[in-house]
């Protein structure tokens, strides 16, 4: 019974940790999605702030700011994709071994019940 307790904790620790990391990445992608969808609102707010000044004089500054913001979002997206790849590399073998071992344990336990 004690070993079953340790096996259960070991099994659920990796699963819960992987689930938390996946939820974190999904939330980061949703935040990025919101920021990208709100980029037009950011541009409109910037235009209204600069309404007092001539827009033609500041249009290159405004374009550069929009370009830098978009570049920042692209870098964040690339970093999130790279993080997902690393996460898959780390947990790929662990999850495979876990599935194989626990499937074997369930089969052996079922065989033991039959005998």
PDB file of N, CA and C in Angstrom:
ATOM      1  N   UNK A   1       0.836  -1.186   0.000  1.00  0.00           N
ATOM      2  CA  UNK A   1       0.000   0.000   0.000  1.00  0.00           C
ATOM      3  C   UNK A   1       0.882   1.252   0.000  1.00  0.00           C
ATOM      4  N   UNK A   2       1.973   1.199   0.760  1.00  0.00           N
ATOM      5  CA  UNK A   2       2.869   2.348   0.832  1.00  0.00           C
ATOM      6  C   UNK A   2       3.544   2.612  -0.515  1.00  0.00           C
ATOM      7  N   UNK A   3       3.934   1.537  -1.196  1.00  0.00           N
ATOM      8  CA  UNK A   3       4.569   1.717  -2.507  1.00  0.00           C
ATOM      9  C   UNK A   3       3.564   2.246  -3.528  1.00  0.00           C
ATOM     10  N   UNK A   4       2.311   1.837  -3.402  1.00  0.00           N
ATOM     11  CA  UNK A   4       1.274   2.344  -4.301  1.00  0.00           C
ATOM     12  C   UNK A   4       1.091   3.846  -4.117  1.00  0.00           C
ATOM     13  N   UNK A   5       1.208   4.301  -2.879  1.00  0.00           N
ATOM     14  CA  UNK A   5       1.109   5.725  -2.577  1.00  0.00           C
ATOM     15  C   UNK A   5       2.239   6.498  -3.263  1.00  0.00           C
ATOM     16  N   UNK A   6       3.459   5.987  -3.170  1.00  0.00           N
ATOM     17  CA  UNK A   6       4.606   6.649  -3.798  1.00  0.00           C
ATOM     18  C   UNK A   6       4.500   6.630  -5.324  1.00  0.00           C
ATOM     19  N   UNK A   7       4.024   5.538  -5.870  1.00  0.00           N
ATOM     20  CA  UNK A   7       3.850   5.445  -7.319  1.00  0.00           C
ATOM     21  C   UNK A   7       2.801   6.453  -7.785  1.00  0.00           C
ATOM     22  N   UNK A   8       1.716   6.553  -7.046  1.00  0.00           N
ATOM     23  CA  UNK A   8       0.670   7.513  -7.406  1.00  0.00           C
ATOM     24  C   UNK A   8       1.159   8.945  -7.361  1.00  0.00           C
ATOM     25  N   UNK A   9       1.913   9.284  -6.329  1.00  0.00           N
ATOM     26  CA  UNK A   9       2.452  10.642  -6.225  1.00  0.00           C
ATOM     27  C   UNK A   9       3.432  10.918  -7.355  1.00  0.00           C
ATOM     28  N   UNK A  10       4.300   9.959  -7.650  1.00  0.00           N
ATOM     29  CA  UNK A  10       5.263  10.134  -8.733  1.00  0.00           C
ATOM     30  C   UNK A  10       4.556  10.318 -10.068  1.00  0.00           C
ATOM     31  N   UNK A  11       3.539   9.539 -10.295  1.00  0.00           N
ATOM     32  CA  UNK A  11       2.793   9.621 -11.554  1.00  0.00           C
ATOM     33  C   UNK A  11       2.115  10.979 -11.691  1.00  0.00           C
ATOM     34  N   UNK A  12       1.448  11.422 -10.656  1.00  0.00           N
ATOM     35  CA  UNK A  12       0.693  12.662 -10.740  1.00  0.00           C
ATOM     36  C   UNK A  12       1.573  13.902 -10.677  1.00  0.00           C
ATOM     37  N   UNK A  13       2.762  13.803 -10.075  1.00  0.00           N
ATOM     38  CA  UNK A  13       3.655  14.966 -10.029  1.00  0.00           C
ATOM     39  C   UNK A  13       4.058  15.407 -11.427  1.00  0.00           C
ATOM     40  N   UNK A  14       4.524  14.475 -12.243  1.00  0.00           N
ATOM     41  CA  UNK A  14       4.939  14.839 -13.597  1.00  0.00           C
ATOM     42  C   UNK A  14       3.753  15.299 -14.435  1.00  0.00           C
ATOM     43  N   UNK A  15       2.634  14.634 -14.283  1.00  0.00           N
ATOM     44  CA  UNK A  15       1.453  15.029 -15.052  1.00  0.00           C
ATOM     45  C   UNK A  15       0.985  16.427 -14.669  1.00  0.00           C
ATOM     46  N   UNK A  16       0.929  16.695 -13.374  1.00  0.00           N
ATOM     47  CA  UNK A  16       0.490  18.015 -12.925  1.00  0.00           C
ATOM     48  C   UNK A  16       1.476  19.099 -13.341  1.00  0.00           C
ATOM     49  N   UNK A  17       2.760  18.807 -13.229  1.00  0.00           N
ATOM     50  CA  UNK A  17       3.772  19.784 -13.619  1.00  0.00           C
ATOM     51  C   UNK A  17       3.691  20.089 -15.112  1.00  0.00           C
ATOM     52  N   UNK A  18       3.532  19.051 -15.914  1.00  0.00           N
ATOM     53  CA  UNK A  18       3.392  19.250 -17.358  1.00  0.00           C
ATOM     54  C   UNK A  18       2.122  20.031 -17.678  1.00  0.00           C
ATOM     55  N   UNK A  19       1.052  19.732 -16.983  1.00  0.00           N
ATOM     56  CA  UNK A  19      -0.210  20.443 -17.192  1.00  0.00           C
ATOM     57  C   UNK A  19      -0.068  21.927 -16.836  1.00  0.00           C
ATOM     58  N   UNK A  20       0.602  22.221 -15.734  1.00  0.00           N
ATOM     59  CA  UNK A  20       0.807  23.613 -15.324  1.00  0.00           C
ATOM     60  C   UNK A  20       1.653  24.358 -16.350  1.00  0.00           C
ATOM     61  N   UNK A  21       2.716  23.718 -16.833  1.00  0.00           N
ATOM     62  CA  UNK A  21       3.557  24.364 -17.841  1.00  0.00           C
ATOM     63  C   UNK A  21       2.791  24.604 -19.137  1.00  0.00           C
ATOM     64  N   UNK A  22       1.967  23.647 -19.537  1.00  0.00           N
ATOM     65  CA  UNK A  22       1.164  23.820 -20.752  1.00  0.00           C
ATOM     66  C   UNK A  22       0.128  24.930 -20.588  1.00  0.00           C
ATOM     67  N   UNK A  23      -0.482  25.011 -19.410  1.00  0.00           N
ATOM     68  CA  UNK A  23      -1.439  26.092 -19.159  1.00  0.00           C
ATOM     69  C   UNK A  23      -0.746  27.451 -19.180  1.00  0.00           C
ATOM     70  N   UNK A  24       0.478  27.504 -18.657  1.00  0.00           N
ATOM     71  CA  UNK A  24       1.243  28.746 -18.668  1.00  0.00           C
ATOM     72  C   UNK A  24       1.527  29.199 -20.100  1.00  0.00           C
ATOM     73  N   UNK A  25       1.952  28.271 -20.941  1.00  0.00           N
ATOM     74  CA  UNK A  25       2.242  28.606 -22.342  1.00  0.00           C
ATOM     75  C   UNK A  25       0.967  29.028 -23.063  1.00  0.00           C
ATOM     76  N   UNK A  26      -0.125  28.331 -22.817  1.00  0.00           N
ATOM     77  CA  UNK A  26      -1.395  28.693 -23.458  1.00  0.00           C
ATOM     78  C   UNK A  26      -1.832  30.096 -23.041  1.00  0.00           C
ATOM     79  N   UNK A  27      -1.656  30.422 -21.769  1.00  0.00           N
ATOM     80  CA  UNK A  27      -2.008  31.763 -21.298  1.00  0.00           C
ATOM     81  C   UNK A  27      -1.105  32.817 -21.929  1.00  0.00           C
ATOM     82  N   UNK A  28       0.174  32.505 -22.084  1.00  0.00           N
ATOM     83  CA  UNK A  28       1.087  33.448 -22.735  1.00  0.00           C
ATOM     84  C   UNK A  28       0.688  33.688 -24.191  1.00  0.00           C
ATOM     85  N   UNK A  29       0.266  32.635 -24.876  1.00  0.00           N
ATOM     86  CA  UNK A  29      -0.206  32.799 -26.255  1.00  0.00           C
ATOM     87  C   UNK A  29      -1.488  33.632 -26.299  1.00  0.00           C
ATOM     88  N   UNK A  30      -2.367  33.459 -25.329  1.00  0.00           N
ATOM     89  CA  UNK A  30      -3.601  34.254 -25.305  1.00  0.00           C
ATOM     90  C   UNK A  30      -3.304  35.725 -25.026  1.00  0.00           C
ATOM     91  N   UNK A  31      -2.345  35.981 -24.142  1.00  0.00           N
ATOM     92  CA  UNK A  31      -1.947  37.366 -23.875  1.00  0.00           C
ATOM     93  C   UNK A  31      -1.370  37.995 -25.133  1.00  0.00           C
ATOM     94  N   UNK A  32      -0.522  37.251 -25.821  1.00  0.00           N
ATOM     95  CA  UNK A  32       0.056  37.755 -27.065  1.00  0.00           C
ATOM     96  C   UNK A  32      -1.019  37.986 -28.123  1.00  0.00           C
ATOM     97  N   UNK A  33      -1.990  37.088 -28.197  1.00  0.00           N
ATOM     98  CA  UNK A  33      -3.094  37.253 -29.147  1.00  0.00           C
ATOM     99  C   UNK A  33      -3.865  38.535 -28.852  1.00  0.00           C
ATOM    100  N   UNK A  34      -4.115  38.800 -27.573  1.00  0.00           N
ATOM    101  CA  UNK A  34      -4.827  40.023 -27.203  1.00  0.00           C
ATOM    102  C   UNK A  34      -4.011  41.258 -27.579  1.00  0.00           C
ATOM    103  N   UNK A  35      -2.707  41.212 -27.311  1.00  0.00           N
ATOM    104  CA  UNK A  35      -1.860  42.362 -27.633  1.00  0.00           C
ATOM    105  C   UNK A  35      -1.822  42.630 -29.134  1.00  0.00           C
ATOM    106  N   UNK A  36      -1.749  41.563 -29.920  1.00  0.00           N
ATOM    107  CA  UNK A  36      -1.714  41.750 -31.372  1.00  0.00           C
ATOM    108  C   UNK A  36      -3.058  42.267 -31.877  1.00  0.00           C
ATOM    109  N   UNK A  37      -4.152  41.756 -31.327  1.00  0.00           N
ATOM    110  CA  UNK A  37      -5.468  42.237 -31.765  1.00  0.00           C
ATOM    111  C   UNK A  37      -5.719  43.670 -31.307  1.00  0.00           C
ATOM    112  N   UNK A  38      -5.043  44.102 -30.249  1.00  0.00           N
ATOM    113  CA  UNK A  38      -5.228  45.452 -29.724  1.00  0.00           C
ATOM    114  C   UNK A  38      -4.212  46.439 -30.302  1.00  0.00           C
ATOM    115  N   UNK A  39      -3.402  46.007 -31.256  1.00  0.00           N
ATOM    116  CA  UNK A  39      -2.377  46.906 -31.796  1.00  0.00           C
ATOM    117  C   UNK A  39      -3.006  48.086 -32.534  1.00  0.00           C
ATOM    118  N   UNK A  40      -4.152  47.888 -33.156  1.00  0.00           N
ATOM    119  CA  UNK A  40      -4.824  49.012 -33.823  1.00  0.00           C
ATOM    120  C   UNK A  40      -5.343  50.010 -32.796  1.00  0.00           C
ATOM    121  N   UNK A  41      -5.817  49.514 -31.662  1.00  0.00           N
ATOM    122  CA  UNK A  41      -6.246  50.414 -30.593  1.00  0.00           C
ATOM    123  C   UNK A  41      -5.080  51.207 -30.041  1.00  0.00           C
ATOM    124  N   UNK A  42      -3.922  50.574 -29.955  1.00  0.00           N
ATOM    125  CA  UNK A  42      -2.715  51.264 -29.505  1.00  0.00           C
ATOM    126  C   UNK A  42      -2.342  52.371 -30.483  1.00  0.00           C
ATOM    127  N   UNK A  43      -2.468  52.072 -31.769  1.00  0.00           N
ATOM    128  CA  UNK A  43      -2.166  53.083 -32.794  1.00  0.00           C
ATOM    129  C   UNK A  43      -3.153  54.239 -32.728  1.00  0.00           C
ATOM    130  N   UNK A  44      -4.419  53.930 -32.527  1.00  0.00           N
ATOM    131  CA  UNK A  44      -5.434  54.988 -32.451  1.00  0.00           C
ATOM    132  C   UNK A  44      -5.222  55.868 -31.227  1.00  0.00           C
ATOM    133  N   UNK A  45      -4.854  55.269 -30.107  1.00  0.00           N
ATOM    134  CA  UNK A  45      -4.575  56.059 -28.905  1.00  0.00           C
ATOM    135  C   UNK A  45      -3.366  56.961 -29.124  1.00  0.00           C
ATOM    136  N   UNK A  46      -2.375  56.440 -29.812  1.00  0.00           N
ATOM    137  CA  UNK A  46      -1.183  57.236 -30.109  1.00  0.00           C
ATOM    138  C   UNK A  46      -1.531  58.411 -31.022  1.00  0.00           C
ATOM    139  N   UNK A  47      -2.408  58.174 -31.984  1.00  0.00           N
ATOM    140  CA  UNK A  47      -2.814  59.253 -32.894  1.00  0.00           C
ATOM    141  C   UNK A  47      -3.568  60.341 -32.146  1.00  0.00           C
ATOM    142  N   UNK A  48      -4.462  59.959 -31.237  1.00  0.00           N
ATOM    143  CA  UNK A  48      -5.227  60.964 -30.503  1.00  0.00           C
ATOM    144  C   UNK A  48      -4.336  61.749 -29.557  1.00  0.00           C
ATOM    145  N   UNK A  49      -3.291  61.129 -29.033  1.00  0.00           N
ATOM    146  CA  UNK A  49      -2.373  61.864 -28.170  1.00  0.00           C
ATOM    147  C   UNK A  49      -1.570  62.889 -28.962  1.00  0.00           C
ATOM    148  N   UNK A  50      -1.286  62.573 -30.201  1.00  0.00           N
ATOM    149  CA  UNK A  50      -0.474  63.465 -31.033  1.00  0.00           C
ATOM    150  C   UNK A  50      -1.340  64.336 -31.956  1.00  0.00           C
ATOM    151  N   UNK A  51      -2.603  64.447 -31.664  1.00  0.00           N
ATOM    152  CA  UNK A  51      -3.503  65.209 -32.528  1.00  0.00           C
ATOM    153  C   UNK A  51      -3.163  66.693 -32.512  1.00  0.00           C
ATOM    154  N   UNK A  52      -2.653  67.177 -31.389  1.00  0.00           N
ATOM    155  CA  UNK A  52      -2.327  68.595 -31.284  1.00  0.00           C
ATOM    156  C   UNK A  52      -1.161  68.968 -32.198  1.00  0.00           C
ATOM    157  N   UNK A  53      -0.245  68.052 -32.378  1.00  0.00           N
ATOM    158  CA  UNK A  53       0.910  68.311 -33.234  1.00  0.00           C
ATOM    159  C   UNK A  53       0.573  67.906 -34.662  1.00  0.00           C
ATOM    160  N   UNK A  54       1.400  68.316 -35.569  1.00  0.00           N
ATOM    161  CA  UNK A  54       1.184  67.912 -36.959  1.00  0.00           C
ATOM    162  C   UNK A  54       1.516  66.444 -37.096  1.00  0.00           C
ATOM    163  N   UNK A  55       0.589  65.722 -37.680  1.00  0.00           N
ATOM    164  CA  UNK A  55       0.783  64.273 -37.811  1.00  0.00           C
ATOM    165  C   UNK A  55       1.851  63.941 -38.839  1.00  0.00           C
ATOM    166  N   UNK A  56       1.976  64.757 -39.863  1.00  0.00           N
ATOM    167  CA  UNK A  56       2.959  64.456 -40.913  1.00  0.00           C
ATOM    168  C   UNK A  56       4.380  64.544 -40.379  1.00  0.00           C
ATOM    169  N   UNK A  57       4.625  65.434 -39.431  1.00  0.00           N
ATOM    170  CA  UNK A  57       5.965  65.555 -38.861  1.00  0.00           C
ATOM    171  C   UNK A  57       6.301  64.355 -37.991  1.00  0.00           C
ATOM    172  N   UNK A  58       5.305  63.796 -37.363  1.00  0.00           N
ATOM    173  CA  UNK A  58       5.542  62.678 -36.454  1.00  0.00           C
ATOM    174  C   UNK A  58       5.199  61.326 -37.063  1.00  0.00           C
ATOM    175  N   UNK A  59       4.850  61.304 -38.337  1.00  0.00           N
ATOM    176  CA  UNK A  59       4.426  60.032 -38.931  1.00  0.00           C
ATOM    177  C   UNK A  59       5.557  59.017 -38.979  1.00  0.00           C
ATOM    178  N   UNK A  60       6.786  59.471 -39.230  1.00  0.00           N
ATOM    179  CA  UNK A  60       7.903  58.518 -39.246  1.00  0.00           C
ATOM    180  C   UNK A  60       8.183  57.997 -37.844  1.00  0.00           C
ATOM    181  N   UNK A  61       8.065  58.857 -36.854  1.00  0.00           N
ATOM    182  CA  UNK A  61       8.250  58.422 -35.460  1.00  0.00           C
ATOM    183  C   UNK A  61       7.156  57.433 -35.071  1.00  0.00           C
ATOM    184  N   UNK A  62       5.940  57.727 -35.483  1.00  0.00           N
ATOM    185  CA  UNK A  62       4.815  56.841 -35.192  1.00  0.00           C
ATOM    186  C   UNK A  62       4.980  55.497 -35.892  1.00  0.00           C
ATOM    187  N   UNK A  63       5.418  55.533 -37.156  1.00  0.00           N
ATOM    188  CA  UNK A  63       5.637  54.293 -37.908  1.00  0.00           C
ATOM    189  C   UNK A  63       6.747  53.465 -37.276  1.00  0.00           C
ATOM    190  N   UNK A  64       7.803  54.128 -36.826  1.00  0.00           N
ATOM    191  CA  UNK A  64       8.896  53.406 -36.165  1.00  0.00           C
ATOM    192  C   UNK A  64       8.435  52.771 -34.859  1.00  0.00           C
ATOM    193  N   UNK A  65       7.600  53.496 -34.121  1.00  0.00           N
ATOM    194  CA  UNK A  65       7.098  52.951 -32.861  1.00  0.00           C
ATOM    195  C   UNK A  65       6.208  51.732 -33.113  1.00  0.00           C
ATOM    196  N   UNK A  66       5.354  51.812 -34.124  1.00  0.00           N
ATOM    197  CA  UNK A  66       4.500  50.667 -34.475  1.00  0.00           C
ATOM    198  C   UNK A  66       5.337  49.487 -34.943  1.00  0.00           C
ATOM    199  N   UNK A  67       6.364  49.783 -35.721  1.00  0.00           N
ATOM    200  CA  UNK A  67       7.251  48.732 -36.218  1.00  0.00           C
ATOM    201  C   UNK A  67       7.979  48.048 -35.060  1.00  0.00           C
ATOM    202  N   UNK A  68       8.476  48.831 -34.108  1.00  0.00           N
ATOM    203  CA  UNK A  68       9.173  48.260 -32.950  1.00  0.00           C
ATOM    204  C   UNK A  68       8.221  47.429 -32.088  1.00  0.00           C
ATOM    205  N   UNK A  69       6.999  47.901 -31.929  1.00  0.00           N
ATOM    206  CA  UNK A  69       6.009  47.142 -31.159  1.00  0.00           C
ATOM    207  C   UNK A  69       5.702  45.816 -31.836  1.00  0.00           C
ATOM    208  N   UNK A  70       5.519  45.854 -33.144  1.00  0.00           N
ATOM    209  CA  UNK A  70       5.229  44.630 -33.889  1.00  0.00           C
ATOM    210  C   UNK A  70       6.416  43.669 -33.841  1.00  0.00           C
ATOM    211  N   UNK A  71       7.635  44.208 -33.931  1.00  0.00           N
ATOM    212  CA  UNK A  71       8.833  43.375 -33.828  1.00  0.00           C
ATOM    213  C   UNK A  71       8.920  42.702 -32.456  1.00  0.00           C
ATOM    214  N   UNK A  72       8.549  43.448 -31.425  1.00  0.00           N
ATOM    215  CA  UNK A  72       8.564  42.892 -30.070  1.00  0.00           C
ATOM    216  C   UNK A  72       7.579  41.736 -29.955  1.00  0.00           C
ATOM    217  N   UNK A  73       6.406  41.886 -30.558  1.00  0.00           N
ATOM    218  CA  UNK A  73       5.410  40.814 -30.524  1.00  0.00           C
ATOM    219  C   UNK A  73       5.879  39.592 -31.302  1.00  0.00           C
ATOM    220  N   UNK A  74       6.546  39.820 -32.419  1.00  0.00           N
ATOM    221  CA  UNK A  74       7.068  38.694 -33.204  1.00  0.00           C
ATOM    222  C   UNK A  74       8.142  37.950 -32.423  1.00  0.00           C
ATOM    223  N   UNK A  75       9.025  38.704 -31.756  1.00  0.00           N
ATOM    224  CA  UNK A  75      10.064  38.055 -30.938  1.00  0.00           C
ATOM    225  C   UNK A  75       9.448  37.240 -29.803  1.00  0.00           C
ATOM    226  N   UNK A  76       8.412  37.785 -29.184  1.00  0.00           N
ATOM    227  CA  UNK A  76       7.752  37.052 -28.111  1.00  0.00           C
ATOM    228  C   UNK A  76       7.108  35.778 -28.655  1.00  0.00           C
ATOM    229  N   UNK A  77       6.505  35.848 -29.824  1.00  0.00           N
ATOM    230  CA  UNK A  77       5.891  34.672 -30.433  1.00  0.00           C
ATOM    231  C   UNK A  77       6.948  33.619 -30.749  1.00  0.00           C
ATOM    232  N   UNK A  78       8.070  34.039 -31.291  1.00  0.00           N
ATOM    233  CA  UNK A  78       9.153  33.101 -31.589  1.00  0.00           C
ATOM    234  C   UNK A  78       9.703  32.470 -30.314  1.00  0.00           C
ATOM    235  N   UNK A  79       9.814  33.265 -29.248  1.00  0.00           N
ATOM    236  CA  UNK A  79      10.299  32.728 -27.975  1.00  0.00           C
ATOM    237  C   UNK A  79       9.322  31.702 -27.410  1.00  0.00           C
ATOM    238  N   UNK A  80       8.030  31.960 -27.541  1.00  0.00           N
ATOM    239  CA  UNK A  80       7.034  31.004 -27.056  1.00  0.00           C
ATOM    240  C   UNK A  80       7.063  29.710 -27.861  1.00  0.00           C
ATOM    241  N   UNK A  81       7.254  29.816 -29.161  1.00  0.00           N
ATOM    242  CA  UNK A  81       7.357  28.607 -29.989  1.00  0.00           C
ATOM    243  C   UNK A  81       8.595  27.811 -29.602  1.00  0.00           C
ATOM    244  N   UNK A  82       9.704  28.497 -29.374  1.00  0.00           N
ATOM    245  CA  UNK A  82      10.936  27.817 -28.958  1.00  0.00           C
ATOM    246  C   UNK A  82      10.752  27.154 -27.589  1.00  0.00           C
ATOM    247  N   UNK A  83      10.038  27.832 -26.695  1.00  0.00           N
ATOM    248  CA  UNK A  83       9.757  27.266 -25.375  1.00  0.00           C
ATOM    249  C   UNK A  83       8.919  25.994 -25.501  1.00  0.00           C
ATOM    250  N   UNK A  84       7.945  26.003 -26.403  1.00  0.00           N
ATOM    251  CA  UNK A  84       7.120  24.808 -26.631  1.00  0.00           C
ATOM    252  C   UNK A  84       7.954  23.652 -27.162  1.00  0.00           C
ATOM    253  N   UNK A  85       8.888  23.953 -28.056  1.00  0.00           N
ATOM    254  CA  UNK A  85       9.759  22.899 -28.585  1.00  0.00           C
ATOM    255  C   UNK A  85      10.632  22.307 -27.487  1.00  0.00           C
ATOM    256  N   UNK A  86      11.193  23.165 -26.640  1.00  0.00           N
ATOM    257  CA  UNK A  86      12.024  22.678 -25.527  1.00  0.00           C
ATOM    258  C   UNK A  86      11.191  21.851 -24.553  1.00  0.00           C
ATOM    259  N   UNK A  87       9.991  22.308 -24.284  1.00  0.00           N
ATOM    260  CA  UNK A  87       9.096  21.585 -23.386  1.00  0.00           C
ATOM    261  C   UNK A  87       8.780  20.205 -23.933  1.00  0.00           C
ATOM    262  N   UNK A  88       8.549  20.121 -25.229  1.00  0.00           N
ATOM    263  CA  UNK A  88       8.276  18.828 -25.850  1.00  0.00           C
ATOM    264  C   UNK A  88       9.506  17.924 -25.790  1.00  0.00           C
ATOM    265  N   UNK A  89      10.688  18.492 -26.027  1.00  0.00           N
ATOM    266  CA  UNK A  89      11.915  17.697 -25.958  1.00  0.00           C
ATOM    267  C   UNK A  89      12.130  17.119 -24.565  1.00  0.00           C
ATOM    268  N   UNK A  90      11.869  17.924 -23.550  1.00  0.00           N
ATOM    269  CA  UNK A  90      12.106  17.485 -22.172  1.00  0.00           C
ATOM    270  C   UNK A  90      11.108  16.421 -21.753  1.00  0.00           C
ATOM    271  N   UNK A  91       9.837  16.632 -22.039  1.00  0.00           N
ATOM    272  CA  UNK A  91       8.804  15.747 -21.515  1.00  0.00           C
ATOM    273  C   UNK A  91       8.425  14.606 -22.447  1.00  0.00           C
ATOM    274  N   UNK A  92       8.914  14.601 -23.656  1.00  0.00           N
ATOM    275  CA  UNK A  92       8.547  13.579 -24.621  1.00  0.00           C
ATOM    276  C   UNK A  92       8.900  12.181 -24.116  1.00  0.00           C
ATOM    277  N   UNK A  93      10.139  11.984 -23.736  1.00  0.00           N
ATOM    278  CA  UNK A  93      10.592  10.676 -23.268  1.00  0.00           C
ATOM    279  C   UNK A  93       9.981  10.321 -21.912  1.00  0.00           C
ATOM    280  N   UNK A  94       9.852  11.302 -21.041  1.00  0.00           N
ATOM    281  CA  UNK A  94       9.288  11.054 -19.708  1.00  0.00           C
ATOM    282  C   UNK A  94       7.857  10.541 -19.818  1.00  0.00           C
ATOM    283  N   UNK A  95       7.057  11.187 -20.646  1.00  0.00           N
ATOM    284  CA  UNK A  95       5.655  10.776 -20.797  1.00  0.00           C
ATOM    285  C   UNK A  95       5.564   9.404 -21.453  1.00  0.00           C
ATOM    286  N   UNK A  96       6.425   9.132 -22.438  1.00  0.00           N
ATOM    287  CA  UNK A  96       6.422   7.823 -23.087  1.00  0.00           C
ATOM    288  C   UNK A  96       6.749   6.722 -22.085  1.00  0.00           C
ATOM    289  N   UNK A  97       7.801   6.912 -21.306  1.00  0.00           N
ATOM    290  CA  UNK A  97       8.184   5.908 -20.307  1.00  0.00           C
ATOM    291  C   UNK A  97       7.081   5.745 -19.278  1.00  0.00           C
ATOM    292  N   UNK A  98       6.493   6.847 -18.870  1.00  0.00           N
ATOM    293  CA  UNK A  98       5.418   6.791 -17.885  1.00  0.00           C
ATOM    294  C   UNK A  98       4.234   5.977 -18.405  1.00  0.00           C
ATOM    295  N   UNK A  99       3.845   6.204 -19.626  1.00  0.00           N
ATOM    296  CA  UNK A  99       2.717   5.461 -20.205  1.00  0.00           C
ATOM    297  C   UNK A  99       3.045   3.981 -20.311  1.00  0.00           C
ATOM    298  N   UNK A 100       4.253   3.668 -20.781  1.00  0.00           N
ATOM    299  CA  UNK A 100       4.636   2.262 -20.919  1.00  0.00           C
ATOM    300  C   UNK A 100       4.703   1.554 -19.573  1.00  0.00           C
ATOM    301  N   UNK A 101       5.333   2.191 -18.592  1.00  0.00           N
ATOM    302  CA  UNK A 101       5.485   1.561 -17.275  1.00  0.00           C
ATOM    303  C   UNK A 101       4.134   1.370 -16.604  1.00  0.00           C
ATOM    304  N   UNK A 102       3.311   2.392 -16.606  1.00  0.00           N
ATOM    305  CA  UNK A 102       2.035   2.261 -15.910  1.00  0.00           C
ATOM    306  C   UNK A 102       1.052   1.364 -16.656  1.00  0.00           C
ATOM    307  N   UNK A 103       1.159   1.273 -17.965  1.00  0.00           N
ATOM    308  CA  UNK A 103       0.348   0.297 -18.704  1.00  0.00           C
ATOM    309  C   UNK A 103       0.763  -1.116 -18.335  1.00  0.00           C
ATOM    310  N   UNK A 104       2.068  -1.326 -18.238  1.00  0.00           N
ATOM    311  CA  UNK A 104       2.578  -2.638 -17.834  1.00  0.00           C
ATOM    312  C   UNK A 104       2.146  -2.971 -16.407  1.00  0.00           C
ATOM    313  N   UNK A 105       2.186  -1.980 -15.530  1.00  0.00           N
ATOM    314  CA  UNK A 105       1.775  -2.220 -14.140  1.00  0.00           C
ATOM    315  C   UNK A 105       0.293  -2.574 -14.059  1.00  0.00           C
ATOM    316  N   UNK A 106      -0.532  -1.909 -14.833  1.00  0.00           N
ATOM    317  CA  UNK A 106      -1.964  -2.211 -14.830  1.00  0.00           C
ATOM    318  C   UNK A 106      -2.203  -3.621 -15.354  1.00  0.00           C
ATOM    319  N   UNK A 107      -1.488  -3.996 -16.412  1.00  0.00           N
ATOM    320  CA  UNK A 107      -1.638  -5.352 -16.963  1.00  0.00           C
ATOM    321  C   UNK A 107      -1.203  -6.406 -15.949  1.00  0.00           C
ATOM    322  N   UNK A 108      -0.075  -6.170 -15.297  1.00  0.00           N
ATOM    323  CA  UNK A 108       0.412  -7.138 -14.307  1.00  0.00           C
ATOM    324  C   UNK A 108      -0.513  -7.213 -13.099  1.00  0.00           C
ATOM    325  N   UNK A 109      -1.052  -6.082 -12.702  1.00  0.00           N
ATOM    326  CA  UNK A 109      -1.985  -6.083 -11.580  1.00  0.00           C
ATOM    327  C   UNK A 109      -3.266  -6.839 -11.951  1.00  0.00           C
ATOM    328  N   UNK A 110      -3.753  -6.645 -13.170  1.00  0.00           N
ATOM    329  CA  UNK A 110      -4.928  -7.397 -13.633  1.00  0.00           C
ATOM    330  C   UNK A 110      -4.644  -8.884 -13.714  1.00  0.00           C
ATOM    331  N   UNK A 111      -3.452  -9.253 -14.162  1.00  0.00           N
ATOM    332  CA  UNK A 111      -3.061 -10.663 -14.220  1.00  0.00           C
ATOM    333  C   UNK A 111      -2.974 -11.251 -12.813  1.00  0.00           C
ATOM    334  N   UNK A 112      -2.475 -10.459 -11.862  1.00  0.00           N
ATOM    335  CA  UNK A 112      -2.365 -10.923 -10.477  1.00  0.00           C
ATOM    336  C   UNK A 112      -3.753 -11.143  -9.872  1.00  0.00           C
ATOM    337  N   UNK A 113      -4.711 -10.312 -10.224  1.00  0.00           N
ATOM    338  CA  UNK A 113      -6.076 -10.483  -9.718  1.00  0.00           C
ATOM    339  C   UNK A 113      -6.686 -11.769 -10.265  1.00  0.00           C
ATOM    340  N   UNK A 114      -6.399 -12.083 -11.542  1.00  0.00           N
ATOM    341  CA  UNK A 114      -6.939 -13.297 -12.151  1.00  0.00           C
ATOM    342  C   UNK A 114      -6.364 -14.559 -11.519  1.00  0.00           C
ATOM    343  N   UNK A 115      -5.129 -14.499 -11.081  1.00  0.00           N
ATOM    344  CA  UNK A 115      -4.496 -15.690 -10.494  1.00  0.00           C
ATOM    345  C   UNK A 115      -4.871 -15.797  -9.073  1.00  0.00           C
TER     346      UNK A 115
END
